[in-house]
N, C-alpha and C. Protein backbone atom coordinates (compact mmCIF):
# COMPACT_ATOMS: atom_id res chain seq x y z
N MET A 1 -27.60 -49.89 -22.96
CA MET A 1 -28.13 -49.51 -21.71
C MET A 1 -26.89 -49.12 -20.85
N LEU A 2 -25.71 -49.89 -21.06
CA LEU A 2 -24.42 -49.59 -20.37
C LEU A 2 -23.97 -48.18 -20.83
N LEU A 3 -24.10 -47.98 -22.04
CA LEU A 3 -23.69 -46.57 -22.60
C LEU A 3 -24.41 -45.55 -22.00
N PHE A 4 -25.74 -45.74 -21.87
CA PHE A 4 -26.67 -44.69 -21.22
C PHE A 4 -26.24 -44.51 -19.92
N LEU A 5 -25.99 -45.43 -18.97
CA LEU A 5 -25.55 -45.20 -17.75
C LEU A 5 -24.32 -44.46 -17.54
N THR A 6 -23.22 -44.98 -18.40
CA THR A 6 -22.18 -44.17 -18.53
C THR A 6 -22.06 -42.60 -18.88
N ILE A 7 -22.85 -42.36 -19.74
CA ILE A 7 -23.07 -40.87 -20.05
C ILE A 7 -24.04 -40.27 -18.95
N PHE A 8 -24.89 -40.98 -18.31
CA PHE A 8 -25.69 -40.40 -17.40
C PHE A 8 -24.85 -40.10 -16.06
N GLY A 9 -23.91 -41.08 -15.82
CA GLY A 9 -23.06 -40.93 -14.76
C GLY A 9 -21.94 -39.75 -14.88
N ALA A 10 -21.41 -39.72 -16.05
CA ALA A 10 -20.55 -38.62 -16.42
C ALA A 10 -21.24 -37.30 -16.28
N CYS A 11 -22.46 -37.06 -16.80
CA CYS A 11 -23.16 -35.76 -16.70
C CYS A 11 -23.46 -35.45 -15.25
N SER A 12 -23.83 -36.47 -14.52
CA SER A 12 -24.13 -36.36 -13.12
C SER A 12 -22.88 -35.85 -12.36
N THR A 13 -21.81 -36.47 -12.64
CA THR A 13 -20.54 -36.02 -11.99
C THR A 13 -20.17 -34.70 -12.40
N THR A 14 -20.42 -34.31 -13.71
CA THR A 14 -19.98 -33.04 -14.15
C THR A 14 -20.88 -31.96 -13.49
N LYS A 15 -22.27 -32.27 -13.27
CA LYS A 15 -23.16 -31.34 -12.54
C LYS A 15 -22.66 -31.05 -11.13
N GLU A 16 -22.34 -32.21 -10.43
CA GLU A 16 -21.88 -32.00 -9.14
C GLU A 16 -20.56 -31.17 -8.95
N VAL A 17 -19.67 -31.46 -9.87
CA VAL A 17 -18.46 -30.58 -9.87
C VAL A 17 -18.87 -29.11 -10.09
N GLU A 18 -19.64 -28.81 -11.14
CA GLU A 18 -20.10 -27.48 -11.45
C GLU A 18 -20.89 -26.92 -10.15
N ASP A 19 -21.73 -27.71 -9.49
CA ASP A 19 -22.43 -27.23 -8.36
C ASP A 19 -21.39 -26.77 -7.24
N ASP A 20 -20.41 -27.67 -7.16
CA ASP A 20 -19.42 -27.41 -5.95
C ASP A 20 -18.61 -26.24 -6.29
N VAL A 21 -18.29 -25.94 -7.55
CA VAL A 21 -17.70 -24.77 -7.97
C VAL A 21 -18.46 -23.51 -7.76
N GLN A 22 -19.80 -23.72 -8.01
CA GLN A 22 -20.66 -22.46 -7.90
C GLN A 22 -20.82 -22.15 -6.32
N ASP A 23 -20.75 -23.14 -5.52
CA ASP A 23 -20.90 -23.01 -4.09
C ASP A 23 -19.69 -22.21 -3.64
N GLU A 24 -18.50 -22.81 -4.11
CA GLU A 24 -17.30 -22.18 -3.57
C GLU A 24 -17.20 -20.62 -4.14
N LEU A 25 -17.50 -20.39 -5.31
CA LEU A 25 -17.64 -19.14 -5.83
C LEU A 25 -18.57 -18.19 -5.02
N ALA A 26 -19.70 -18.75 -4.69
CA ALA A 26 -20.73 -17.96 -3.98
C ALA A 26 -20.20 -17.60 -2.50
N ASP A 27 -19.53 -18.55 -1.86
CA ASP A 27 -18.68 -18.41 -0.73
C ASP A 27 -17.71 -17.35 -0.72
N PHE A 28 -16.96 -17.61 -1.84
CA PHE A 28 -15.86 -16.33 -2.14
C PHE A 28 -16.45 -15.09 -2.37
N ARG A 29 -17.56 -14.91 -3.03
CA ARG A 29 -18.19 -13.66 -3.28
C ARG A 29 -18.57 -12.94 -2.04
N SER A 30 -19.37 -13.89 -1.20
CA SER A 30 -19.88 -13.52 0.11
C SER A 30 -18.64 -12.85 1.04
N TRP A 31 -17.58 -13.58 1.00
CA TRP A 31 -16.37 -13.22 1.84
C TRP A 31 -15.92 -11.87 1.19
N VAL A 32 -15.59 -11.69 -0.13
CA VAL A 32 -15.16 -10.55 -0.65
C VAL A 32 -15.98 -9.27 -0.26
N SER A 33 -17.33 -9.53 -0.44
CA SER A 33 -18.38 -8.49 -0.10
C SER A 33 -18.25 -8.05 1.43
N THR A 34 -18.24 -9.00 2.31
CA THR A 34 -18.16 -8.72 3.72
C THR A 34 -16.86 -8.14 4.07
N THR A 35 -15.63 -8.61 3.60
CA THR A 35 -14.32 -8.24 3.85
C THR A 35 -14.12 -6.85 3.33
N THR A 36 -14.58 -6.35 2.24
CA THR A 36 -14.25 -5.14 1.53
C THR A 36 -15.32 -3.95 2.04
N ALA A 37 -16.43 -4.38 2.73
CA ALA A 37 -17.53 -3.50 3.02
C ALA A 37 -17.12 -2.31 3.86
N ASP A 38 -16.53 -2.38 4.97
CA ASP A 38 -16.12 -1.39 5.87
C ASP A 38 -14.63 -1.26 6.14
N VAL A 39 -13.98 -1.29 4.98
CA VAL A 39 -12.42 -1.35 4.99
C VAL A 39 -11.84 -0.11 5.69
N ALA A 40 -12.50 1.19 5.73
CA ALA A 40 -11.96 2.18 6.34
C ALA A 40 -11.79 2.16 7.84
N ASN A 41 -12.56 1.40 8.40
CA ASN A 41 -12.52 1.18 9.89
C ASN A 41 -11.71 0.05 10.41
N ARG A 42 -10.97 -0.69 9.43
CA ARG A 42 -10.09 -1.77 9.72
C ARG A 42 -8.90 -1.39 10.31
N THR A 43 -8.39 -2.21 11.40
CA THR A 43 -6.98 -1.98 11.80
C THR A 43 -6.08 -2.63 10.94
N GLU A 44 -4.78 -2.24 10.88
CA GLU A 44 -3.89 -2.76 9.97
C GLU A 44 -3.60 -4.29 10.20
N GLU A 45 -3.65 -4.88 11.61
CA GLU A 45 -3.93 -6.21 11.81
C GLU A 45 -4.93 -7.05 11.21
N ASP A 46 -6.01 -6.42 11.37
CA ASP A 46 -7.21 -7.04 10.80
C ASP A 46 -7.14 -7.03 9.34
N TRP A 47 -6.53 -5.91 8.56
CA TRP A 47 -6.53 -6.06 7.28
C TRP A 47 -5.49 -7.07 6.72
N GLU A 48 -4.37 -7.05 7.44
CA GLU A 48 -3.39 -8.07 7.09
C GLU A 48 -3.85 -9.57 7.17
N GLN A 49 -4.76 -9.74 8.04
CA GLN A 49 -5.34 -11.04 8.17
C GLN A 49 -6.24 -11.31 7.08
N ALA A 50 -6.95 -10.17 6.50
CA ALA A 50 -7.94 -10.42 5.41
C ALA A 50 -6.99 -10.74 4.08
N ARG A 51 -5.80 -10.02 4.11
CA ARG A 51 -4.87 -10.17 3.01
C ARG A 51 -4.54 -11.64 3.00
N GLN A 52 -4.09 -12.31 4.22
CA GLN A 52 -3.72 -13.65 4.35
C GLN A 52 -4.83 -14.63 3.97
N ASP A 53 -6.13 -14.28 4.32
CA ASP A 53 -7.15 -15.12 4.00
C ASP A 53 -7.46 -15.11 2.46
N PHE A 54 -7.40 -13.99 1.88
CA PHE A 54 -7.45 -13.85 0.36
C PHE A 54 -6.31 -14.53 -0.24
N ARG A 55 -5.24 -14.77 0.08
CA ARG A 55 -4.12 -15.44 -0.56
C ARG A 55 -4.40 -16.88 -0.40
N MET A 56 -4.97 -17.31 0.79
CA MET A 56 -5.21 -18.67 0.97
C MET A 56 -6.54 -19.07 0.14
N ARG A 57 -7.52 -18.37 0.11
CA ARG A 57 -8.77 -18.70 -0.55
C ARG A 57 -8.51 -18.64 -2.19
N THR A 58 -7.85 -17.68 -2.58
CA THR A 58 -7.47 -17.70 -4.10
C THR A 58 -6.52 -18.76 -4.41
N GLN A 59 -5.68 -19.20 -3.52
CA GLN A 59 -4.67 -20.28 -3.87
C GLN A 59 -5.46 -21.48 -4.11
N GLU A 60 -6.53 -21.81 -3.35
CA GLU A 60 -7.30 -23.00 -3.53
C GLU A 60 -8.19 -22.91 -4.68
N LEU A 61 -8.83 -21.73 -5.00
CA LEU A 61 -9.65 -21.55 -6.09
C LEU A 61 -8.91 -21.55 -7.49
N ASP A 62 -7.65 -20.83 -7.42
CA ASP A 62 -6.81 -20.97 -8.68
C ASP A 62 -6.38 -22.49 -9.06
N GLN A 63 -6.38 -23.28 -8.01
CA GLN A 63 -5.92 -24.81 -8.43
C GLN A 63 -7.25 -25.46 -9.15
N LYS A 64 -8.42 -24.90 -9.04
CA LYS A 64 -9.59 -25.49 -9.44
C LYS A 64 -10.03 -24.79 -10.73
N GLN A 65 -9.37 -23.83 -11.29
CA GLN A 65 -9.78 -22.99 -12.50
C GLN A 65 -10.05 -23.84 -13.57
N ASN A 66 -9.37 -24.84 -13.81
CA ASN A 66 -9.59 -25.77 -15.06
C ASN A 66 -11.00 -26.43 -15.01
N GLU A 67 -11.64 -26.33 -13.84
CA GLU A 67 -13.03 -26.85 -13.85
C GLU A 67 -14.01 -25.78 -13.85
N PHE A 68 -13.55 -24.49 -14.02
CA PHE A 68 -14.51 -23.32 -14.12
C PHE A 68 -15.03 -23.32 -15.62
N SER A 69 -16.13 -22.75 -15.83
CA SER A 69 -16.80 -22.35 -17.10
C SER A 69 -16.16 -20.94 -17.30
N GLU A 70 -16.22 -20.62 -18.57
CA GLU A 70 -15.80 -19.19 -18.84
C GLU A 70 -16.55 -18.07 -18.12
N ASP A 71 -17.54 -18.16 -17.94
CA ASP A 71 -18.34 -17.20 -17.18
C ASP A 71 -17.97 -17.13 -15.71
N ILE A 72 -17.76 -18.36 -15.14
CA ILE A 72 -17.29 -18.49 -13.77
C ILE A 72 -15.89 -17.98 -13.61
N LYS A 73 -14.98 -18.22 -14.61
CA LYS A 73 -13.62 -17.67 -14.55
C LYS A 73 -13.67 -16.16 -14.66
N GLN A 74 -14.44 -15.54 -15.42
CA GLN A 74 -14.56 -14.18 -15.41
C GLN A 74 -15.12 -13.52 -14.24
N ASP A 75 -16.15 -14.15 -13.60
CA ASP A 75 -16.70 -13.76 -12.29
C ASP A 75 -15.59 -13.82 -11.28
N TYR A 76 -15.04 -14.87 -11.17
CA TYR A 76 -13.96 -15.10 -10.27
C TYR A 76 -12.77 -14.08 -10.32
N GLN A 77 -12.30 -13.66 -11.57
CA GLN A 77 -11.49 -12.66 -11.88
C GLN A 77 -11.88 -11.33 -11.32
N GLU A 78 -13.15 -10.96 -11.58
CA GLU A 78 -13.68 -9.88 -11.12
C GLU A 78 -13.76 -9.63 -9.69
N LEU A 79 -14.03 -10.78 -8.86
CA LEU A 79 -14.06 -10.75 -7.48
C LEU A 79 -12.60 -10.61 -6.87
N LYS A 80 -11.66 -11.28 -7.53
CA LYS A 80 -10.30 -11.15 -7.05
C LYS A 80 -9.78 -9.54 -7.30
N GLN A 81 -10.21 -9.07 -8.45
CA GLN A 81 -9.75 -7.66 -8.76
C GLN A 81 -10.55 -6.66 -7.72
N GLU A 82 -11.82 -6.97 -7.47
CA GLU A 82 -12.38 -6.07 -6.42
C GLU A 82 -11.68 -6.04 -5.19
N PHE A 83 -11.20 -7.14 -4.62
CA PHE A 83 -10.36 -7.34 -3.44
C PHE A 83 -8.99 -6.40 -3.58
N ILE A 84 -8.30 -6.75 -4.67
CA ILE A 84 -7.10 -6.04 -4.87
C ILE A 84 -7.32 -4.62 -5.10
N ASP A 85 -8.33 -4.14 -5.75
CA ASP A 85 -8.43 -2.67 -5.78
C ASP A 85 -8.78 -2.01 -4.39
N THR A 86 -9.61 -2.81 -3.59
CA THR A 86 -9.78 -2.34 -2.10
C THR A 86 -8.59 -2.42 -1.41
N ASP A 87 -7.73 -3.44 -1.52
CA ASP A 87 -6.40 -3.36 -0.90
C ASP A 87 -5.55 -2.26 -1.22
N GLU A 88 -5.53 -1.82 -2.53
CA GLU A 88 -4.80 -0.80 -2.92
C GLU A 88 -5.33 0.61 -2.28
N MET A 89 -6.66 0.74 -2.22
CA MET A 89 -7.14 1.74 -1.57
C MET A 89 -6.96 1.86 -0.19
N TYR A 90 -6.95 0.78 0.50
CA TYR A 90 -6.71 0.79 1.90
C TYR A 90 -5.17 1.09 2.00
N THR A 91 -4.28 0.72 1.32
CA THR A 91 -2.72 1.07 1.49
C THR A 91 -2.49 2.47 1.42
N ARG A 92 -3.15 2.97 0.28
CA ARG A 92 -2.95 4.32 -0.24
C ARG A 92 -3.51 5.27 1.02
N SER A 93 -4.61 5.07 1.56
CA SER A 93 -5.18 5.83 2.55
C SER A 93 -4.41 5.70 3.85
N HIS A 94 -4.01 4.58 4.21
CA HIS A 94 -3.32 4.50 5.56
C HIS A 94 -2.01 5.11 5.26
N GLN A 95 -1.31 5.07 4.11
CA GLN A 95 -0.01 5.41 3.81
C GLN A 95 -0.12 7.08 3.90
N GLU A 96 -1.12 7.70 3.41
CA GLU A 96 -1.32 9.16 3.36
C GLU A 96 -1.40 9.60 4.83
N ALA A 97 -2.33 8.98 5.58
CA ALA A 97 -2.39 9.26 6.97
C ALA A 97 -1.09 9.26 7.85
N LYS A 98 -0.33 8.26 7.48
CA LYS A 98 0.91 8.07 8.21
C LYS A 98 1.97 9.10 7.67
N LYS A 99 1.85 9.50 6.41
CA LYS A 99 2.76 10.39 5.82
C LYS A 99 2.49 11.86 6.34
N ALA A 100 1.13 12.13 6.68
CA ALA A 100 0.70 13.46 7.35
C ALA A 100 1.31 13.50 8.75
N GLU A 101 1.13 12.34 9.40
CA GLU A 101 1.75 12.20 10.74
C GLU A 101 3.22 12.58 10.80
N TRP A 102 3.82 11.90 9.92
CA TRP A 102 5.45 11.99 9.71
C TRP A 102 5.77 13.38 9.31
N GLU A 103 5.04 14.11 8.34
CA GLU A 103 5.26 15.43 8.09
C GLU A 103 5.15 16.32 9.31
N HIS A 104 4.09 16.17 10.07
CA HIS A 104 3.84 16.91 11.28
C HIS A 104 5.15 16.73 12.25
N ASN A 105 5.51 15.45 12.53
CA ASN A 105 6.71 15.04 13.50
C ASN A 105 7.97 15.64 12.95
N LEU A 106 8.08 15.63 11.66
CA LEU A 106 9.61 15.90 11.22
C LEU A 106 9.72 17.45 10.71
N LEU A 107 8.49 17.95 10.33
CA LEU A 107 8.61 19.41 9.85
C LEU A 107 8.04 20.31 10.74
N GLY A 108 7.40 19.83 11.88
CA GLY A 108 6.73 20.80 12.92
C GLY A 108 6.06 21.82 12.24
N ARG A 109 6.19 23.06 12.49
CA ARG A 109 5.49 24.11 11.87
C ARG A 109 5.52 24.42 10.48
N TRP A 110 6.53 23.69 9.84
CA TRP A 110 6.74 23.59 8.46
C TRP A 110 5.89 22.66 7.66
N ALA A 111 4.99 21.83 8.54
CA ALA A 111 4.33 20.77 7.91
C ALA A 111 3.23 21.35 6.93
N ASP A 112 2.83 22.65 7.16
CA ASP A 112 2.00 23.32 6.10
C ASP A 112 2.88 23.81 5.02
N LEU A 113 3.13 23.06 4.01
CA LEU A 113 3.96 23.42 2.93
C LEU A 113 3.88 24.63 2.42
N ALA A 114 2.44 25.22 2.29
CA ALA A 114 2.13 26.58 1.85
C ALA A 114 2.85 27.70 2.38
N SER A 115 3.27 27.51 3.65
CA SER A 115 3.92 28.43 4.43
C SER A 115 5.39 28.59 4.08
N ILE A 116 5.91 27.70 3.22
CA ILE A 116 7.34 27.67 2.95
C ILE A 116 7.54 28.51 1.51
N ASN A 117 8.40 29.41 1.68
CA ASN A 117 8.73 30.22 0.36
C ASN A 117 10.27 30.23 0.36
N GLU A 118 10.76 31.17 -0.66
CA GLU A 118 12.13 31.21 -0.90
C GLU A 118 12.93 31.92 0.26
N THR A 119 12.24 32.62 0.96
CA THR A 119 13.03 33.16 2.26
C THR A 119 13.13 32.25 3.45
N ASN A 120 12.26 31.28 3.62
CA ASN A 120 12.36 30.54 4.77
C ASN A 120 12.42 28.87 4.55
N VAL A 121 12.67 28.51 3.26
CA VAL A 121 12.81 27.27 2.88
C VAL A 121 14.02 26.55 3.68
N GLN A 122 15.14 27.24 3.77
CA GLN A 122 16.20 26.66 4.50
C GLN A 122 15.78 26.20 5.95
N GLU A 123 14.94 27.04 6.63
CA GLU A 123 14.52 26.89 8.01
C GLU A 123 13.69 25.54 8.01
N ALA A 124 12.83 25.30 6.98
CA ALA A 124 12.19 24.13 6.96
C ALA A 124 13.06 22.80 6.87
N TYR A 125 14.11 22.95 6.07
CA TYR A 125 15.05 21.78 6.08
C TYR A 125 15.87 21.65 7.34
N VAL A 126 16.20 22.84 7.94
CA VAL A 126 16.91 22.79 9.22
C VAL A 126 16.00 21.99 10.11
N ALA A 127 14.74 22.45 10.48
CA ALA A 127 13.81 21.76 11.26
C ALA A 127 13.70 20.32 11.03
N PHE A 128 13.62 19.92 9.64
CA PHE A 128 13.38 18.44 9.38
C PHE A 128 14.68 17.70 9.81
N MET A 129 15.88 18.33 9.45
CA MET A 129 17.11 17.61 9.91
C MET A 129 17.21 17.57 11.34
N GLU A 130 16.95 18.54 12.11
CA GLU A 130 16.99 18.51 13.64
C GLU A 130 16.21 17.28 14.09
N ASN A 131 15.03 17.15 13.64
CA ASN A 131 14.07 16.09 13.95
C ASN A 131 14.57 14.72 13.55
N VAL A 132 15.13 14.62 12.53
CA VAL A 132 15.78 13.38 11.95
C VAL A 132 16.93 13.02 12.84
N ARG A 133 17.70 13.96 13.18
CA ARG A 133 18.90 13.59 14.06
C ARG A 133 18.45 13.14 15.39
N ALA A 134 17.43 13.80 16.01
CA ALA A 134 16.94 13.47 17.16
C ALA A 134 16.27 12.03 17.27
N LYS A 135 15.67 11.63 16.21
CA LYS A 135 14.75 10.47 16.24
C LYS A 135 15.30 9.17 15.50
N HIS A 136 16.36 9.35 14.65
CA HIS A 136 16.72 8.30 13.52
C HIS A 136 17.35 7.01 14.15
N GLN A 137 17.78 7.12 15.50
CA GLN A 137 18.51 6.02 15.97
C GLN A 137 17.87 4.59 16.05
N SER A 138 16.54 4.75 16.30
CA SER A 138 15.96 3.46 16.44
C SER A 138 14.91 3.17 15.25
N TRP A 139 14.98 3.88 14.23
CA TRP A 139 14.05 3.76 13.09
C TRP A 139 14.21 2.40 12.36
N THR A 140 13.17 1.80 11.95
CA THR A 140 13.04 0.59 11.03
C THR A 140 13.28 1.04 9.64
N ASP A 141 13.30 0.04 8.71
CA ASP A 141 13.40 0.53 7.31
C ASP A 141 12.06 1.07 6.97
N GLN A 142 11.02 0.75 7.50
CA GLN A 142 9.72 1.48 7.00
C GLN A 142 9.56 2.78 7.61
N GLU A 143 10.21 3.06 8.74
CA GLU A 143 10.39 4.43 9.20
C GLU A 143 11.24 5.36 8.42
N TRP A 144 12.37 4.71 7.96
CA TRP A 144 13.29 5.38 7.11
C TRP A 144 12.45 5.73 5.69
N GLU A 145 11.72 4.87 5.30
CA GLU A 145 10.96 5.09 4.06
C GLU A 145 10.05 6.33 4.17
N MET A 146 9.30 6.25 5.40
CA MET A 146 8.37 7.46 5.64
C MET A 146 9.10 8.75 5.88
N ALA A 147 10.29 8.72 6.39
CA ALA A 147 11.10 9.93 6.57
C ALA A 147 11.55 10.35 5.16
N GLU A 148 11.88 9.46 4.33
CA GLU A 148 12.33 9.86 2.83
C GLU A 148 11.15 10.35 2.09
N MET A 149 9.91 9.86 2.27
CA MET A 149 8.80 10.50 1.63
C MET A 149 8.58 11.93 2.12
N VAL A 150 8.81 12.20 3.25
CA VAL A 150 8.66 13.47 3.81
C VAL A 150 9.71 14.45 3.09
N MET A 151 11.00 13.82 3.13
CA MET A 151 12.07 14.60 2.41
C MET A 151 11.68 14.93 0.99
N ASN A 152 11.22 13.82 0.36
CA ASN A 152 10.79 13.90 -1.11
C ASN A 152 9.63 14.99 -1.40
N THR A 153 8.79 15.05 -0.37
CA THR A 153 7.51 16.09 -0.43
C THR A 153 8.27 17.56 -0.27
N LEU A 154 9.19 17.64 0.69
CA LEU A 154 9.75 18.96 0.94
C LEU A 154 10.53 19.42 -0.29
N ASN A 155 11.27 18.25 -0.98
CA ASN A 155 12.09 18.67 -2.08
C ASN A 155 11.24 19.14 -3.27
N GLU A 156 10.06 18.37 -3.49
CA GLU A 156 9.12 18.85 -4.53
C GLU A 156 8.49 20.17 -4.28
N HIS A 157 8.19 20.44 -3.13
CA HIS A 157 7.72 21.79 -2.89
C HIS A 157 8.78 22.87 -3.02
N LYS A 158 9.90 22.51 -2.85
CA LYS A 158 11.08 23.42 -3.10
C LYS A 158 11.31 23.80 -4.53
N LYS A 159 10.95 22.96 -5.37
CA LYS A 159 10.96 22.99 -6.76
C LYS A 159 9.88 23.96 -7.24
N GLU A 160 8.76 23.91 -6.64
CA GLU A 160 7.54 24.62 -6.99
C GLU A 160 7.65 26.02 -6.50
N ILE A 161 8.38 26.23 -5.47
CA ILE A 161 8.71 27.70 -4.94
C ILE A 161 8.73 28.83 -6.14
N ASN A 162 7.91 29.77 -6.12
CA ASN A 162 8.24 30.80 -7.11
C ASN A 162 9.00 31.80 -6.51
N GLY A 163 10.00 32.18 -7.24
CA GLY A 163 11.14 33.12 -6.81
C GLY A 163 12.41 32.46 -6.83
N ASP A 164 13.49 33.25 -6.69
CA ASP A 164 14.75 32.75 -6.66
C ASP A 164 15.20 32.42 -5.20
N ILE A 165 15.76 31.15 -5.13
CA ILE A 165 16.27 30.90 -3.88
C ILE A 165 17.74 31.15 -3.84
N PRO A 166 18.19 32.01 -2.96
CA PRO A 166 19.70 32.44 -3.07
C PRO A 166 20.69 31.33 -3.11
N THR A 167 21.85 31.41 -3.83
CA THR A 167 22.61 30.30 -4.05
C THR A 167 23.17 29.80 -2.64
N ASP A 168 23.62 30.68 -1.78
CA ASP A 168 24.22 30.11 -0.41
C ASP A 168 22.94 29.41 0.34
N THR A 169 21.73 29.62 0.07
CA THR A 169 20.65 28.84 0.81
C THR A 169 20.54 27.42 0.03
N GLU A 170 20.63 27.36 -1.26
CA GLU A 170 20.66 26.19 -2.07
C GLU A 170 21.84 25.31 -1.65
N VAL A 171 22.93 25.87 -1.42
CA VAL A 171 24.16 25.16 -0.91
C VAL A 171 23.79 24.36 0.46
N LYS A 172 23.33 25.24 1.39
CA LYS A 172 22.96 24.81 2.73
C LYS A 172 22.00 23.68 2.65
N ILE A 173 21.04 23.85 1.74
CA ILE A 173 20.02 22.86 1.62
C ILE A 173 20.57 21.61 1.06
N LYS A 174 21.42 21.61 0.16
CA LYS A 174 22.13 20.49 -0.54
C LYS A 174 22.83 19.69 0.47
N ALA A 175 23.60 20.43 1.57
CA ALA A 175 24.22 19.86 2.60
C ALA A 175 23.39 19.09 3.56
N LEU A 176 22.23 19.72 3.82
CA LEU A 176 21.15 18.93 4.68
C LEU A 176 20.67 17.71 4.02
N GLN A 177 20.43 17.89 2.80
CA GLN A 177 20.03 16.72 1.90
C GLN A 177 20.94 15.40 1.94
N LEU A 178 22.17 15.97 1.80
CA LEU A 178 23.31 14.97 1.77
C LEU A 178 23.39 14.36 3.15
N GLU A 179 23.19 15.12 4.32
CA GLU A 179 23.35 14.48 5.65
C GLU A 179 22.27 13.58 5.79
N PHE A 180 21.09 13.93 5.30
CA PHE A 180 19.92 12.92 5.54
C PHE A 180 20.25 11.66 4.76
N HIS A 181 20.69 11.61 3.68
CA HIS A 181 21.08 10.50 2.76
C HIS A 181 22.32 9.63 3.54
N THR A 182 23.10 10.34 3.95
CA THR A 182 24.24 9.75 4.73
C THR A 182 23.76 9.01 5.86
N LEU A 183 22.91 9.56 6.74
CA LEU A 183 22.32 8.89 7.88
C LEU A 183 21.60 7.67 7.43
N GLU A 184 20.76 7.76 6.29
CA GLU A 184 19.89 6.77 5.87
C GLU A 184 20.69 5.62 5.23
N THR A 185 21.82 5.88 4.56
CA THR A 185 22.86 4.84 4.12
C THR A 185 23.39 4.27 5.36
N ALA A 186 23.85 4.84 6.33
CA ALA A 186 24.59 4.23 7.43
C ALA A 186 23.48 3.27 8.10
N ALA A 187 22.22 3.72 8.23
CA ALA A 187 21.16 2.82 8.71
C ALA A 187 21.06 1.52 8.06
N ASP A 188 21.18 1.58 6.71
CA ASP A 188 21.11 0.51 5.79
C ASP A 188 22.25 -0.46 6.06
N VAL A 189 23.38 0.09 6.25
CA VAL A 189 24.74 -0.63 6.30
C VAL A 189 24.63 -1.45 7.74
N THR A 190 24.21 -0.75 8.85
CA THR A 190 24.19 -1.30 10.08
C THR A 190 22.97 -2.42 10.21
N ASP A 191 22.01 -2.57 9.30
CA ASP A 191 20.99 -3.60 9.42
C ASP A 191 21.38 -4.87 8.97
């Protein structure tokens, strides 16, 4: 009889633990679903809070994984991946929007890269550097990263230009590129 009560008690405890895990996973599933539902309309601050909530929730659940069955582990990993994929999508979309804004601010009329060809590519670099010189004094590291992304986009477009860019134009562009990197390096040193 004592053996029966011990086995029954152990089974009952295991069932309670499994039910608790199922409840926690259902709560996490609901949170992931709600959090990722309308991600395009979220502010950066709101999404950063969602990231913090995700880290806290997964930290707690990660510590309990030894209590998970294989099916629950797989379900949990899929839910985590769903949030991670949504986070990457959010980051990419916001970065692209910021990049377009930065291209407009730093390139001005040259933000439409299709308008840049071998005869006016130097003008695009000059416009870029004039704006960098005027604005760079108060830039943060993130702002320098955005400016560098614009420079890289301009550099990539220059490589794609059909036709020969005159050597003197290439030399002047190299000088402007060097100036940009010098300003960027100086900002790193002063930080």
